[in-house]
Protein backbone atom coordinates (compact mmCIF):
# COMPACT_ATOMS: atom_id res chain seq x y z
CA UNK A 1 -55.89 -49.26 -144.41
CA UNK A 2 -53.58 -47.13 -142.42
CA UNK A 3 -52.46 -45.37 -145.54
CA UNK A 4 -56.05 -44.63 -146.62
CA UNK A 5 -56.77 -43.27 -143.07
CA UNK A 6 -53.85 -40.89 -143.29
CA UNK A 7 -54.86 -39.76 -146.61
CA UNK A 8 -58.52 -39.23 -145.52
CA UNK A 9 -57.37 -37.08 -142.54
CA UNK A 10 -54.22 -35.21 -143.63
CA UNK A 11 -54.35 -35.07 -147.39
CA UNK A 12 -58.02 -35.15 -148.39
CA UNK A 13 -59.34 -33.72 -145.10
CA UNK A 14 -62.38 -35.77 -145.37
CA UNK A 15 -62.63 -36.38 -141.51
CA UNK A 16 -60.95 -34.25 -138.72
CA UNK A 17 -58.27 -35.93 -136.63
CA UNK A 18 -60.19 -35.50 -133.37
CA UNK A 19 -63.39 -37.02 -134.84
CA UNK A 20 -61.42 -40.04 -136.07
CA UNK A 21 -59.58 -40.53 -132.72
CA UNK A 22 -62.98 -40.14 -130.86
CA UNK A 23 -64.63 -42.76 -133.05
CA UNK A 24 -61.75 -45.18 -132.51
CA UNK A 25 -61.73 -44.76 -128.80
CA UNK A 26 -65.47 -44.58 -127.97
CA UNK A 27 -66.96 -47.06 -130.58
CA UNK A 28 -65.56 -50.49 -129.41
CA UNK A 29 -67.74 -52.19 -126.89
CA UNK A 30 -65.39 -54.78 -125.58
CA UNK A 31 -61.71 -55.05 -124.67
CA UNK A 32 -60.63 -57.01 -127.82
CA UNK A 33 -62.18 -54.24 -129.92
CA UNK A 34 -60.58 -51.54 -127.85
CA UNK A 35 -57.17 -53.05 -128.21
CA UNK A 36 -57.55 -53.25 -132.01
CA UNK A 37 -58.59 -49.53 -131.98
CA UNK A 38 -55.42 -48.84 -129.97
CA UNK A 39 -53.37 -50.72 -132.59
CA UNK A 40 -54.92 -48.58 -135.31
CA UNK A 41 -54.14 -45.30 -133.36
CA UNK A 42 -50.65 -46.65 -132.72
CA UNK A 43 -50.15 -47.36 -136.44
CA UNK A 44 -51.29 -43.87 -137.66
CA UNK A 45 -48.47 -41.89 -139.21
CA UNK A 46 -48.87 -38.36 -138.17
CA UNK A 47 -47.06 -35.94 -140.41
CA UNK A 48 -44.34 -34.03 -138.51
CA UNK A 49 -44.67 -30.61 -140.12
CA UNK A 50 -43.47 -27.29 -138.72
CA UNK A 51 -45.77 -24.40 -138.54
CA UNK A 52 -44.05 -22.67 -141.48
CA UNK A 53 -44.49 -25.89 -143.61
CA UNK A 54 -48.17 -26.25 -142.52
CA UNK A 55 -48.87 -22.53 -143.29
CA UNK A 56 -47.32 -22.91 -146.85
CA UNK A 57 -49.19 -26.08 -147.55
CA UNK A 58 -52.50 -24.54 -146.43
CA UNK A 59 -51.89 -21.27 -148.46
CA UNK A 60 -51.07 -23.35 -151.57
CA UNK A 61 -54.31 -25.46 -151.12
CA UNK A 62 -56.48 -22.30 -150.62
CA UNK A 63 -54.96 -20.59 -153.74
CA UNK A 64 -55.85 -23.79 -155.77
CA UNK A 65 -59.44 -23.80 -154.39
CA UNK A 66 -60.02 -20.16 -154.96
CA UNK A 67 -58.75 -20.42 -158.49
CA UNK A 68 -61.21 -23.21 -159.25
CA UNK A 69 -64.26 -21.03 -158.08
CA UNK A 70 -66.07 -18.94 -160.50
CA UNK A 71 -65.14 -15.21 -160.56
CA UNK A 72 -68.54 -13.93 -159.81
CA UNK A 73 -69.47 -14.89 -156.23
CA UNK A 74 -73.08 -14.56 -154.82
CA UNK A 75 -73.41 -11.88 -152.36
CA UNK A 76 -73.73 -13.26 -148.73
CA UNK A 77 -76.02 -11.48 -146.40
CA UNK A 78 -74.31 -10.61 -143.06
CA UNK A 79 -77.60 -11.33 -141.38
CA UNK A 80 -77.31 -15.02 -142.25
CA UNK A 81 -75.75 -17.24 -139.60
CA UNK A 82 -72.29 -18.65 -140.87
CA UNK A 83 -71.30 -21.70 -138.75
CA UNK A 84 -67.65 -21.44 -138.23
CA UNK A 85 -65.70 -23.35 -135.54
CA UNK A 86 -63.38 -21.06 -133.58
CA UNK A 87 -60.61 -23.26 -132.01
CA UNK A 88 -57.45 -25.23 -132.63
CA UNK A 89 -56.67 -28.88 -132.90
CA UNK A 90 -54.91 -29.01 -129.44
CA UNK A 91 -58.25 -27.81 -127.65
CA UNK A 92 -60.25 -30.51 -129.46
CA UNK A 93 -57.82 -33.47 -129.15
CA UNK A 94 -57.00 -33.00 -125.43
CA UNK A 95 -60.29 -34.65 -124.22
CA UNK A 96 -59.80 -37.54 -126.61
CA UNK A 97 -56.24 -38.09 -125.61
CA UNK A 98 -57.31 -38.32 -121.93
CA UNK A 99 -59.80 -41.02 -122.93
CA UNK A 100 -57.22 -42.92 -125.17
CA UNK A 101 -54.79 -43.12 -122.25
CA UNK A 102 -57.40 -44.13 -119.70
CA UNK A 103 -58.81 -46.88 -121.99
CA UNK A 104 -55.31 -48.12 -122.75
CA UNK A 105 -54.63 -48.36 -119.00
CA UNK A 106 -58.11 -49.82 -118.32
CA UNK A 107 -57.81 -52.57 -120.83
CA UNK A 108 -54.22 -53.39 -119.79
CA UNK A 109 -52.58 -53.34 -123.26
CA UNK A 110 -49.11 -54.36 -124.02
CA UNK A 111 -46.31 -52.45 -122.44
CA UNK A 112 -44.88 -51.45 -125.83
CA UNK A 113 -48.15 -50.33 -127.25
CA UNK A 114 -48.87 -48.29 -124.11
CA UNK A 115 -45.41 -46.68 -124.09
CA UNK A 116 -45.81 -45.73 -127.77
CA UNK A 117 -49.13 -44.07 -127.11
CA UNK A 118 -47.82 -42.22 -124.05
CA UNK A 119 -44.76 -40.94 -125.93
CA UNK A 120 -46.85 -39.81 -128.93
CA UNK A 121 -49.55 -37.95 -127.03
CA UNK A 122 -47.45 -36.72 -124.05
CA UNK A 123 -46.83 -33.33 -125.74
CA UNK A 124 -50.40 -32.55 -125.59
CA UNK A 125 -50.27 -32.30 -121.82
CA UNK A 126 -48.15 -29.21 -122.11
CA UNK A 127 -51.46 -27.40 -122.84
CA UNK A 128 -53.66 -29.41 -120.53
CA UNK A 129 -55.73 -27.12 -118.24
CA UNK A 130 -55.84 -29.72 -115.34
CA UNK A 131 -53.11 -32.29 -115.59
CA UNK A 132 -52.79 -32.84 -111.76
CA UNK A 133 -56.55 -33.61 -111.43
CA UNK A 134 -56.42 -35.94 -114.54
CA UNK A 135 -53.45 -37.75 -113.25
CA UNK A 136 -55.02 -38.25 -109.81
CA UNK A 137 -58.39 -39.29 -111.11
CA UNK A 138 -56.80 -42.02 -113.34
CA UNK A 139 -54.68 -43.40 -110.59
CA UNK A 140 -57.69 -43.33 -108.04
CA UNK A 141 -60.31 -44.78 -110.49
CA UNK A 142 -57.92 -47.51 -111.87
CA UNK A 143 -56.29 -48.23 -108.50
CA UNK A 144 -56.52 -52.01 -108.90
CA UNK A 145 -55.07 -51.87 -112.44
CA UNK A 146 -52.25 -49.29 -112.56
CA UNK A 147 -51.58 -48.20 -108.96
CA UNK A 148 -48.17 -49.02 -107.34
CA UNK A 149 -46.68 -50.34 -110.67
CA UNK A 150 -43.82 -49.18 -112.99
CA UNK A 151 -46.40 -48.20 -115.47
CA UNK A 152 -48.00 -45.75 -113.00
CA UNK A 153 -44.58 -44.03 -112.33
CA UNK A 154 -43.86 -43.75 -116.11
CA UNK A 155 -47.46 -42.31 -116.67
CA UNK A 156 -46.90 -39.65 -114.07
CA UNK A 157 -43.19 -38.74 -114.94
CA UNK A 158 -43.90 -38.40 -118.61
CA UNK A 159 -46.82 -36.07 -118.02
CA UNK A 160 -45.17 -33.98 -115.43
CA UNK A 161 -42.15 -33.70 -117.68
CA UNK A 162 -44.12 -31.68 -120.05
CA UNK A 163 -45.03 -28.95 -117.55
CA UNK A 164 -41.71 -27.30 -117.35
CA UNK A 165 -42.53 -24.14 -119.23
CA UNK A 166 -45.88 -23.58 -117.54
CA UNK A 167 -45.74 -24.82 -114.00
CA UNK A 168 -42.08 -25.76 -113.51
CA UNK A 169 -40.77 -29.13 -114.34
CA UNK A 170 -41.87 -31.85 -111.74
CA UNK A 171 -43.44 -29.23 -109.45
CA UNK A 172 -45.95 -31.84 -108.31
CA UNK A 173 -43.34 -34.48 -107.26
CA UNK A 174 -40.74 -34.81 -104.68
CA UNK A 175 -36.96 -35.48 -105.73
CA UNK A 176 -37.11 -38.85 -103.94
CA UNK A 177 -39.86 -40.01 -106.18
CA UNK A 178 -38.12 -38.82 -109.35
CA UNK A 179 -34.76 -40.17 -108.62
CA UNK A 180 -35.46 -43.63 -107.10
CA UNK A 181 -39.30 -43.97 -106.75
CA UNK A 182 -39.03 -43.97 -102.92
CA UNK A 183 -36.89 -47.11 -103.04
CA UNK A 184 -33.88 -45.79 -101.02
CA UNK A 185 -36.14 -44.15 -98.15
CA UNK A 186 -38.17 -45.83 -95.61
CA UNK A 187 -41.99 -45.35 -95.75
CA UNK A 188 -41.82 -43.08 -92.73
CA UNK A 189 -39.20 -40.80 -94.32
CA UNK A 190 -41.10 -40.15 -97.59
CA UNK A 191 -44.36 -39.78 -95.73
CA UNK A 192 -42.62 -37.29 -93.54
CA UNK A 193 -41.28 -35.37 -96.66
CA UNK A 194 -44.81 -35.38 -98.17
CA UNK A 195 -46.35 -33.96 -94.93
CA UNK A 196 -43.85 -31.29 -94.70
CA UNK A 197 -44.43 -30.14 -98.30
CA UNK A 198 -48.14 -29.82 -97.45
CA UNK A 199 -47.40 -27.87 -94.36
CA UNK A 200 -44.99 -25.57 -96.08
CA UNK A 201 -47.60 -25.01 -98.90
CA UNK A 202 -50.43 -24.32 -96.31
CA UNK A 203 -48.59 -21.97 -93.94
CA UNK A 204 -46.51 -19.31 -95.42
CA UNK A 205 -46.35 -15.52 -94.83
CA UNK A 206 -46.08 -13.94 -98.19
CA UNK A 207 -44.21 -16.10 -100.55
CA UNK A 208 -45.18 -19.76 -101.22
CA UNK A 209 -42.40 -22.40 -101.15
CA UNK A 210 -40.06 -22.89 -104.16
CA UNK A 211 -41.81 -26.10 -105.38
CA UNK A 212 -45.07 -24.25 -105.93
CA UNK A 213 -45.98 -23.13 -109.54
CA UNK A 214 -44.19 -20.11 -110.84
CA UNK A 215 -47.31 -18.19 -111.18
CA UNK A 216 -49.32 -19.77 -108.49
CA UNK A 217 -52.07 -17.25 -108.65
CA UNK A 218 -53.31 -18.39 -112.03
CA UNK A 219 -52.23 -22.07 -111.59
CA UNK A 220 -54.52 -25.11 -111.69
CA UNK A 221 -54.48 -25.36 -107.91
CA UNK A 222 -53.33 -23.14 -105.02
CA UNK A 223 -49.99 -24.03 -103.37
CA UNK A 224 -51.70 -26.26 -100.56
CA UNK A 225 -53.92 -28.04 -103.17
CA UNK A 226 -51.01 -28.63 -105.45
CA UNK A 227 -48.93 -30.15 -102.47
CA UNK A 228 -51.81 -32.37 -101.34
CA UNK A 229 -52.71 -33.59 -104.81
CA UNK A 230 -48.98 -34.23 -105.55
CA UNK A 231 -48.73 -36.28 -102.35
CA UNK A 232 -51.75 -38.30 -103.37
CA UNK A 233 -50.36 -38.96 -106.80
CA UNK A 234 -47.00 -40.05 -105.41
CA UNK A 235 -48.62 -42.46 -102.84
CA UNK A 236 -50.74 -43.99 -105.71
CA UNK A 237 -47.78 -44.37 -107.99
CA UNK A 238 -45.26 -45.46 -105.51
CA UNK A 239 -44.36 -49.23 -105.26
CA UNK A 240 -45.10 -49.36 -101.49
CA UNK A 241 -48.25 -51.25 -100.53
CA UNK A 242 -51.06 -49.14 -99.15
CA UNK A 243 -51.05 -50.94 -95.87
CA UNK A 244 -47.42 -50.03 -95.23
CA UNK A 245 -48.02 -46.35 -96.19
CA UNK A 246 -51.21 -46.19 -94.00
CA UNK A 247 -49.17 -47.47 -91.02
CA UNK A 248 -46.34 -44.94 -91.66
CA UNK A 249 -48.85 -42.09 -91.79
CA UNK A 250 -50.55 -43.25 -88.56
CA UNK A 251 -47.18 -43.49 -86.78
CA UNK A 252 -46.45 -40.05 -88.16
CA UNK A 253 -49.55 -38.56 -86.72
CA UNK A 254 -49.00 -39.97 -83.12
CA UNK A 255 -45.28 -39.08 -83.14
CA UNK A 256 -45.69 -35.47 -84.42
CA UNK A 257 -47.42 -34.03 -81.28
CA UNK A 258 -44.65 -35.31 -79.03
CA UNK A 259 -42.03 -33.21 -80.87
CA UNK A 260 -44.44 -30.08 -81.48
CA UNK A 261 -47.14 -30.18 -78.85
CA UNK A 262 -48.11 -26.58 -79.57
């Protein structure tokens, strides 16, 4: 069945890839059917062709198709509407990939299956328009399922690792979270570091801090919004319990006026 699906999508072009993935991820109505759909997506063998190879293949197919057509073509009136889809596969597949990973986390699929899906689709997030908002919404909506687990950290690190060319690698995250997942620092220490990042991104004279996006004027969020969203993502993905983090933030609020009353 997997071979037939691959031929339908990549060789015969009977169904677009984005439509196939949408059907597989949205059609199931229960967790069992969703897991089967995830296994089918996991088993699809996506051809790894370079742009040059794909261009040569498409040119050859177009030449064969044009050669089979009759020489005299009917005249097409320019006033007639010709439905042509302007876009590319990445723009069409990104919303579907978001739903696939969300459903994989929601149904608590096996770790190996989730890791394979994440590794397969993570390059798409290099072109995602709002990666920070997507990660925060997933961790917030599925707080009881994924937050404060190893899977949450892997999910965040793999997506942030794809943003190097556009926003700077791991610009949303602190070095402590990347290196040791806040395991070697006290809750008060990493909460202090997160608050300091938010303050640096909120109060600057001319140039935002170094951890802000390279071209922050056209980024997904302004520097302050990026620091605040990154802090929320780290708190949801860190292994520390919410009660411990809440107490650390409360202590930080009461201690700060003593050191900086004005």
